[in-house]
Amino acid sequence: MTESLARDLACIDCGAVFPLGYRLECERCHGLLELRYDLARLRRDGHVLLRGSGLWRYGAVLPIANPAHRLTLGEGGTPLLEAPNLARQLGVRRLRLKFEGANPTGTVKDRSSATAVAAALQFGFTATSVVSSGNAGSSIASYSARAGLRSLVFAYEQASAPKLLHMAATTPDLIVYKGVYDDLITIWDRLVEDHVFFDCGASRNAYKHEGKKTLAYEIAE
């Protein structure tokens, strides 16, 4: 399996650079962080670094160093489906749609869940968590189960019944909050800061977000 070429974390606002580690914001300006890779090696070796299939085909440009942490449920490699009727309606010669419903839990979320939970393993966490209205919660819980980690999924009571049932089927730790969504996020953020669990949320964790870019890589290939 290809080694990860992840090099460091950089603030997208002030440009401060930090070593690879579990960081959710810039220590200098509290800006968001992004992962940076060894671009010189990528330019030199190119497609030689792409091996296998699915999401981990792009392991060189994903931030998980230990191959043992690169868990999978079979995500990625989703099909491009011809859409001739929609192409005619739009007046284009040809249209193909990337069908992410073929992922294990049925959504694009599985791409980011794979790298998020892999990172939780990489940094030694025993539990993950996310605030979700449905898809992200089911996905994170499923990947956490695969990794042998506990997952605490927080949802608010206005979430749709089918999605609540789906989340309840994937984790025994579904916490339904009877209140305003913003209040729930504030409480959850405090638990993240106390390192009660690994942050699998949608806003700050660069390791989670890296998985989604593989969608673009597949389309490009």
C-alpha atoms as a PDB file:
ATOM      1  CA  MET A   1       0.000   0.000   0.000  1.00  0.00           C
ATOM      2  CA  THR A   2       1.309   3.463  -0.886  1.00  0.00           C
ATOM      3  CA  GLU A   3       2.752   5.602   1.885  1.00  0.00           C
ATOM      4  CA  SER A   4       1.013   8.828   2.820  1.00  0.00           C
ATOM      5  CA  LEU A   5       2.750  11.944   1.527  1.00  0.00           C
ATOM      6  CA  ALA A   6       1.028  14.189   4.090  1.00  0.00           C
ATOM      7  CA  ARG A   7       3.605  16.710   5.277  1.00  0.00           C
ATOM      8  CA  ASP A   8       2.006  19.180   7.692  1.00  0.00           C
ATOM      9  CA  LEU A   9      -1.043  21.270   8.595  1.00  0.00           C
ATOM     10  CA  ALA A  10      -1.346  24.891   7.496  1.00  0.00           C
ATOM     11  CA  CYS A  11      -3.772  27.624   8.520  1.00  0.00           C
ATOM     12  CA  ILE A  12      -5.872  28.832   5.587  1.00  0.00           C
ATOM     13  CA  ASP A  13      -6.036  32.336   7.105  1.00  0.00           C
ATOM     14  CA  CYS A  14      -2.637  33.312   8.516  1.00  0.00           C
ATOM     15  CA  GLY A  15      -0.473  30.613   6.918  1.00  0.00           C
ATOM     16  CA  ALA A  16       0.939  29.243  10.184  1.00  0.00           C
ATOM     17  CA  VAL A  17       2.312  25.712   9.782  1.00  0.00           C
ATOM     18  CA  PHE A  18       2.030  22.894  12.322  1.00  0.00           C
ATOM     19  CA  PRO A  19       3.297  19.310  12.450  1.00  0.00           C
ATOM     20  CA  LEU A  20       0.836  16.551  11.697  1.00  0.00           C
ATOM     21  CA  GLY A  21      -1.347  15.881  14.717  1.00  0.00           C
ATOM     22  CA  TYR A  22      -4.881  16.119  15.996  1.00  0.00           C
ATOM     23  CA  ARG A  23      -5.523  19.854  15.721  1.00  0.00           C
ATOM     24  CA  LEU A  24      -8.863  21.465  14.967  1.00  0.00           C
ATOM     25  CA  GLU A  25      -7.807  25.094  14.607  1.00  0.00           C
ATOM     26  CA  CYS A  26      -4.823  27.396  14.265  1.00  0.00           C
ATOM     27  CA  GLU A  27      -3.163  28.160  17.594  1.00  0.00           C
ATOM     28  CA  ARG A  28      -2.307  31.655  16.364  1.00  0.00           C
ATOM     29  CA  CYS A  29      -5.544  32.980  14.829  1.00  0.00           C
ATOM     30  CA  HIS A  30      -8.073  30.126  15.374  1.00  0.00           C
ATOM     31  CA  GLY A  31      -8.462  29.711  11.607  1.00  0.00           C
ATOM     32  CA  LEU A  32      -9.215  26.427   9.897  1.00  0.00           C
ATOM     33  CA  LEU A  33      -6.377  24.074   8.999  1.00  0.00           C
ATOM     34  CA  GLU A  34      -5.692  22.185   5.783  1.00  0.00           C
ATOM     35  CA  LEU A  35      -3.384  19.271   5.122  1.00  0.00           C
ATOM     36  CA  ARG A  36      -0.425  19.744   2.810  1.00  0.00           C
ATOM     37  CA  TYR A  37       1.435  17.063   0.894  1.00  0.00           C
ATOM     38  CA  ASP A  38       4.830  16.485  -0.695  1.00  0.00           C
ATOM     39  CA  LEU A  39       3.943  18.029  -4.056  1.00  0.00           C
ATOM     40  CA  ALA A  40       7.442  17.542  -5.474  1.00  0.00           C
ATOM     41  CA  ARG A  41       7.124  13.789  -4.985  1.00  0.00           C
ATOM     42  CA  LEU A  42       3.638  13.856  -6.510  1.00  0.00           C
ATOM     43  CA  ARG A  43       4.897  15.700  -9.584  1.00  0.00           C
ATOM     44  CA  ARG A  44       7.790  13.284  -9.972  1.00  0.00           C
ATOM     45  CA  ASP A  45       5.960   9.986  -9.478  1.00  0.00           C
ATOM     46  CA  GLY A  46       2.436  10.853 -10.607  1.00  0.00           C
ATOM     47  CA  HIS A  47       0.204   7.869 -11.322  1.00  0.00           C
ATOM     48  CA  VAL A  48       2.781   5.418  -9.979  1.00  0.00           C
ATOM     49  CA  LEU A  49       1.454   6.373  -6.535  1.00  0.00           C
ATOM     50  CA  LEU A  50      -2.099   5.301  -7.387  1.00  0.00           C
ATOM     51  CA  ARG A  51      -2.651   1.660  -6.494  1.00  0.00           C
ATOM     52  CA  GLY A  52      -5.649  -0.570  -6.017  1.00  0.00           C
ATOM     53  CA  SER A  53      -9.248   0.568  -6.161  1.00  0.00           C
ATOM     54  CA  GLY A  54     -11.758   2.465  -4.056  1.00  0.00           C
ATOM     55  CA  LEU A  55     -10.996   5.375  -1.784  1.00  0.00           C
ATOM     56  CA  TRP A  56      -7.616   4.100  -0.566  1.00  0.00           C
ATOM     57  CA  ARG A  57      -6.326   4.024  -4.134  1.00  0.00           C
ATOM     58  CA  TYR A  58      -5.445   7.627  -3.278  1.00  0.00           C
ATOM     59  CA  GLY A  59      -3.674   6.777  -0.015  1.00  0.00           C
ATOM     60  CA  ALA A  60      -0.642   8.846  -1.019  1.00  0.00           C
ATOM     61  CA  VAL A  61      -2.735  12.002  -0.861  1.00  0.00           C
ATOM     62  CA  LEU A  62      -4.717  11.030   2.223  1.00  0.00           C
ATOM     63  CA  PRO A  63      -3.367  11.676   5.729  1.00  0.00           C
ATOM     64  CA  ILE A  64      -3.379   8.153   7.174  1.00  0.00           C
ATOM     65  CA  ALA A  65       0.176   6.903   7.566  1.00  0.00           C
ATOM     66  CA  ASN A  66      -0.322   3.378   8.916  1.00  0.00           C
ATOM     67  CA  PRO A  67      -1.948   1.014   6.388  1.00  0.00           C
ATOM     68  CA  ALA A  68      -3.484  -0.897   9.323  1.00  0.00           C
ATOM     69  CA  HIS A  69      -5.609   2.164  10.086  1.00  0.00           C
ATOM     70  CA  ARG A  70      -7.010   2.468   6.550  1.00  0.00           C
ATOM     71  CA  LEU A  71     -10.310   0.780   7.251  1.00  0.00           C
ATOM     72  CA  THR A  72     -12.896   0.292   4.559  1.00  0.00           C
ATOM     73  CA  LEU A  73     -16.448  -0.884   4.002  1.00  0.00           C
ATOM     74  CA  GLY A  74     -16.009  -0.804   0.230  1.00  0.00           C
ATOM     75  CA  GLU A  75     -16.543   2.916  -0.345  1.00  0.00           C
ATOM     76  CA  GLY A  76     -15.417   4.719  -3.481  1.00  0.00           C
ATOM     77  CA  GLY A  77     -15.207   3.529  -7.056  1.00  0.00           C
ATOM     78  CA  THR A  78     -18.838   4.551  -7.561  1.00  0.00           C
ATOM     79  CA  PRO A  79     -20.223   4.425 -11.102  1.00  0.00           C
ATOM     80  CA  LEU A  80     -20.782   7.171 -13.637  1.00  0.00           C
ATOM     81  CA  LEU A  81     -24.287   6.639 -14.984  1.00  0.00           C
ATOM     82  CA  GLU A  82     -25.436   7.844 -18.376  1.00  0.00           C
ATOM     83  CA  ALA A  83     -28.335  10.332 -18.161  1.00  0.00           C
ATOM     84  CA  PRO A  84     -29.517  10.772 -21.777  1.00  0.00           C
ATOM     85  CA  ASN A  85     -32.966  12.147 -20.937  1.00  0.00           C
ATOM     86  CA  LEU A  86     -31.580  14.856 -18.658  1.00  0.00           C
ATOM     87  CA  ALA A  87     -28.861  15.603 -21.214  1.00  0.00           C
ATOM     88  CA  ARG A  88     -31.539  16.282 -23.839  1.00  0.00           C
ATOM     89  CA  GLN A  89     -33.476  18.523 -21.465  1.00  0.00           C
ATOM     90  CA  LEU A  90     -30.324  20.515 -20.704  1.00  0.00           C
ATOM     91  CA  GLY A  91     -29.279  20.660 -24.335  1.00  0.00           C
ATOM     92  CA  VAL A  92     -25.898  18.988 -23.829  1.00  0.00           C
ATOM     93  CA  ARG A  93     -24.369  16.263 -25.978  1.00  0.00           C
ATOM     94  CA  ARG A  94     -23.644  13.829 -23.150  1.00  0.00           C
ATOM     95  CA  LEU A  95     -24.227  13.775 -19.396  1.00  0.00           C
ATOM     96  CA  ARG A  96     -23.044  11.281 -16.818  1.00  0.00           C
ATOM     97  CA  LEU A  97     -23.890  11.347 -13.110  1.00  0.00           C
ATOM     98  CA  LYS A  98     -21.594  10.114 -10.353  1.00  0.00           C
ATOM     99  CA  PHE A  99     -23.841   7.837  -8.282  1.00  0.00           C
ATOM    100  CA  GLU A 100     -22.735   8.049  -4.649  1.00  0.00           C
ATOM    101  CA  GLY A 101     -25.707   5.979  -3.516  1.00  0.00           C
ATOM    102  CA  ALA A 102     -23.536   2.941  -4.264  1.00  0.00           C
ATOM    103  CA  ASN A 103     -21.423   3.677  -1.169  1.00  0.00           C
ATOM    104  CA  PRO A 104     -21.926   1.370   1.850  1.00  0.00           C
ATOM    105  CA  THR A 105     -24.449   3.525   3.730  1.00  0.00           C
ATOM    106  CA  GLY A 106     -25.814   5.116   0.575  1.00  0.00           C
ATOM    107  CA  THR A 107     -24.245   8.585   0.559  1.00  0.00           C
ATOM    108  CA  VAL A 108     -21.090  10.555  -0.208  1.00  0.00           C
ATOM    109  CA  LYS A 109     -20.592  10.807   3.580  1.00  0.00           C
ATOM    110  CA  ASP A 110     -18.884   7.411   3.537  1.00  0.00           C
ATOM    111  CA  ARG A 111     -15.825   8.944   1.906  1.00  0.00           C
ATOM    112  CA  SER A 112     -15.227  11.379   4.753  1.00  0.00           C
ATOM    113  CA  SER A 113     -16.232   8.810   7.377  1.00  0.00           C
ATOM    114  CA  ALA A 114     -13.501   6.468   6.156  1.00  0.00           C
ATOM    115  CA  THR A 115     -10.748   9.045   6.660  1.00  0.00           C
ATOM    116  CA  ALA A 116     -12.283  10.444   9.867  1.00  0.00           C
ATOM    117  CA  VAL A 117     -12.489   7.106  11.654  1.00  0.00           C
ATOM    118  CA  ALA A 118      -9.096   6.066  10.289  1.00  0.00           C
ATOM    119  CA  ALA A 119      -7.676   9.243  11.838  1.00  0.00           C
ATOM    120  CA  ALA A 120      -9.394   8.432  15.137  1.00  0.00           C
ATOM    121  CA  LEU A 121      -7.510   5.132  15.108  1.00  0.00           C
ATOM    122  CA  GLN A 122      -4.295   6.889  14.112  1.00  0.00           C
ATOM    123  CA  PHE A 123      -4.485   9.249  17.081  1.00  0.00           C
ATOM    124  CA  GLY A 124      -5.489   6.590  19.609  1.00  0.00           C
ATOM    125  CA  PHE A 125      -9.108   7.536  20.299  1.00  0.00           C
ATOM    126  CA  THR A 126     -11.572   4.943  21.542  1.00  0.00           C
ATOM    127  CA  ALA A 127     -14.726   6.868  20.611  1.00  0.00           C
ATOM    128  CA  THR A 128     -15.983   9.075  17.798  1.00  0.00           C
ATOM    129  CA  SER A 129     -18.867  11.515  17.651  1.00  0.00           C
ATOM    130  CA  VAL A 130     -20.888  13.667  15.301  1.00  0.00           C
ATOM    131  CA  VAL A 131     -23.974  15.880  15.407  1.00  0.00           C
ATOM    132  CA  SER A 132     -26.220  14.783  12.565  1.00  0.00           C
ATOM    133  CA  SER A 133     -29.677  14.960  11.065  1.00  0.00           C
ATOM    134  CA  GLY A 134     -29.202  11.511   9.546  1.00  0.00           C
ATOM    135  CA  ASN A 135     -26.690  10.568   6.864  1.00  0.00           C
ATOM    136  CA  ALA A 136     -23.460  11.550   8.627  1.00  0.00           C
ATOM    137  CA  GLY A 137     -24.548   9.892  11.861  1.00  0.00           C
ATOM    138  CA  SER A 138     -25.319   6.560  10.221  1.00  0.00           C
ATOM    139  CA  SER A 139     -22.100   6.674   8.253  1.00  0.00           C
ATOM    140  CA  ILE A 140     -19.774   7.577  11.134  1.00  0.00           C
ATOM    141  CA  ALA A 141     -21.421   4.966  13.344  1.00  0.00           C
ATOM    142  CA  SER A 142     -21.015   2.263  10.698  1.00  0.00           C
ATOM    143  CA  TYR A 143     -17.329   2.997  10.150  1.00  0.00           C
ATOM    144  CA  SER A 144     -16.713   3.265  13.876  1.00  0.00           C
ATOM    145  CA  ALA A 145     -18.263  -0.166  14.365  1.00  0.00           C
ATOM    146  CA  ARG A 146     -15.957  -1.486  11.658  1.00  0.00           C
ATOM    147  CA  ALA A 147     -12.997  -0.017  13.543  1.00  0.00           C
ATOM    148  CA  GLY A 148     -14.146  -1.345  16.917  1.00  0.00           C
ATOM    149  CA  LEU A 149     -14.737   2.152  18.268  1.00  0.00           C
ATOM    150  CA  ARG A 150     -17.686   3.490  20.202  1.00  0.00           C
ATOM    151  CA  SER A 151     -19.690   6.154  18.363  1.00  0.00           C
ATOM    152  CA  LEU A 152     -21.831   8.780  20.068  1.00  0.00           C
ATOM    153  CA  VAL A 153     -24.272  10.267  17.583  1.00  0.00           C
ATOM    154  CA  PHE A 154     -26.128  13.397  18.651  1.00  0.00           C
ATOM    155  CA  ALA A 155     -29.346  14.261  16.821  1.00  0.00           C
ATOM    156  CA  TYR A 156     -32.136  16.710  17.452  1.00  0.00           C
ATOM    157  CA  GLU A 157     -35.730  15.637  17.775  1.00  0.00           C
ATOM    158  CA  GLN A 158     -36.836  17.367  14.544  1.00  0.00           C
ATOM    159  CA  ALA A 159     -34.819  14.895  12.467  1.00  0.00           C
ATOM    160  CA  SER A 160     -36.936  12.690  10.198  1.00  0.00           C
ATOM    161  CA  ALA A 161     -38.152   9.409  11.670  1.00  0.00           C
ATOM    162  CA  PRO A 162     -36.552   7.176   8.977  1.00  0.00           C
ATOM    163  CA  LYS A 163     -33.171   8.808   9.527  1.00  0.00           C
ATOM    164  CA  LEU A 164     -33.463   8.474  13.294  1.00  0.00           C
ATOM    165  CA  LEU A 165     -34.252   4.786  12.808  1.00  0.00           C
ATOM    166  CA  HIS A 166     -31.241   4.385  10.520  1.00  0.00           C
ATOM    167  CA  MET A 167     -28.935   6.017  13.068  1.00  0.00           C
ATOM    168  CA  ALA A 168     -30.405   3.913  15.885  1.00  0.00           C
ATOM    169  CA  ALA A 169     -29.674   0.801  13.832  1.00  0.00           C
ATOM    170  CA  THR A 170     -25.981   1.704  13.516  1.00  0.00           C
ATOM    171  CA  THR A 171     -25.144   2.836  17.069  1.00  0.00           C
ATOM    172  CA  PRO A 172     -26.438   2.004  20.556  1.00  0.00           C
ATOM    173  CA  ASP A 173     -25.369   5.513  21.597  1.00  0.00           C
ATOM    174  CA  LEU A 174     -27.879   7.748  19.811  1.00  0.00           C
ATOM    175  CA  ILE A 175     -28.544  10.867  21.873  1.00  0.00           C
ATOM    176  CA  VAL A 176     -31.673  12.764  20.824  1.00  0.00           C
ATOM    177  CA  TYR A 177     -31.580  16.389  21.926  1.00  0.00           C
ATOM    178  CA  LYS A 178     -34.873  18.111  22.675  1.00  0.00           C
ATOM    179  CA  GLY A 179     -33.940  21.686  21.966  1.00  0.00           C
ATOM    180  CA  VAL A 180     -32.444  24.137  19.484  1.00  0.00           C
ATOM    181  CA  TYR A 181     -29.762  22.843  17.117  1.00  0.00           C
ATOM    182  CA  ASP A 182     -27.342  25.704  17.895  1.00  0.00           C
ATOM    183  CA  ASP A 183     -27.537  24.899  21.619  1.00  0.00           C
ATOM    184  CA  LEU A 184     -26.666  21.283  20.909  1.00  0.00           C
ATOM    185  CA  ILE A 185     -23.615  22.288  18.860  1.00  0.00           C
ATOM    186  CA  THR A 186     -22.358  24.485  21.718  1.00  0.00           C
ATOM    187  CA  ILE A 187     -22.611  21.606  24.200  1.00  0.00           C
ATOM    188  CA  TRP A 188     -21.007  19.168  21.756  1.00  0.00           C
ATOM    189  CA  ASP A 189     -18.102  21.522  21.025  1.00  0.00           C
ATOM    190  CA  ARG A 190     -17.243  21.622  24.734  1.00  0.00           C
ATOM    191  CA  LEU A 191     -17.048  17.817  24.780  1.00  0.00           C
ATOM    192  CA  VAL A 192     -14.769  17.937  21.734  1.00  0.00           C
ATOM    193  CA  GLU A 193     -12.459  20.382  23.476  1.00  0.00           C
ATOM    194  CA  ASP A 194     -12.311  18.058  26.492  1.00  0.00           C
ATOM    195  CA  HIS A 195     -11.240  15.208  24.157  1.00  0.00           C
ATOM    196  CA  VAL A 196     -14.159  13.054  25.276  1.00  0.00           C
ATOM    197  CA  PHE A 197     -14.276  11.739  21.700  1.00  0.00           C
ATOM    198  CA  PHE A 198     -12.779  12.286  18.247  1.00  0.00           C
ATOM    199  CA  ASP A 199     -14.413  15.138  16.320  1.00  0.00           C
ATOM    200  CA  CYS A 200     -16.193  13.719  13.265  1.00  0.00           C
ATOM    201  CA  GLY A 201     -18.161  16.900  12.678  1.00  0.00           C
ATOM    202  CA  ALA A 202     -18.585  18.789   9.436  1.00  0.00           C
ATOM    203  CA  SER A 203     -16.642  21.958  10.153  1.00  0.00           C
ATOM    204  CA  ARG A 204     -13.151  21.749  11.674  1.00  0.00           C
ATOM    205  CA  ASN A 205     -11.548  18.340  11.224  1.00  0.00           C
ATOM    206  CA  ALA A 206      -9.196  18.410   8.234  1.00  0.00           C
ATOM    207  CA  TYR A 207      -8.631  14.647   8.434  1.00  0.00           C
ATOM    208  CA  LYS A 208     -12.315  13.985   7.902  1.00  0.00           C
ATOM    209  CA  HIS A 209     -12.675  16.359   4.960  1.00  0.00           C
ATOM    210  CA  GLU A 210      -9.834  14.788   2.985  1.00  0.00           C
ATOM    211  CA  GLY A 211     -11.941  11.758   2.102  1.00  0.00           C
ATOM    212  CA  LYS A 212     -14.407  13.742   0.014  1.00  0.00           C
ATOM    213  CA  LYS A 213     -11.823  14.920  -2.502  1.00  0.00           C
ATOM    214  CA  THR A 214     -11.473  11.356  -3.772  1.00  0.00           C
ATOM    215  CA  LEU A 215     -14.805  11.892  -5.532  1.00  0.00           C
ATOM    216  CA  ALA A 216     -13.144  14.471  -7.766  1.00  0.00           C
ATOM    217  CA  TYR A 217     -10.095  12.252  -8.292  1.00  0.00           C
ATOM    218  CA  GLU A 218     -12.303   9.423  -9.541  1.00  0.00           C
ATOM    219  CA  ILE A 219     -14.128  11.718 -11.954  1.00  0.00           C
ATOM    220  CA  ALA A 220     -10.807  13.065 -13.247  1.00  0.00           C
ATOM    221  CA  GLU A 221      -9.440   9.554 -13.813  1.00  0.00           C
END
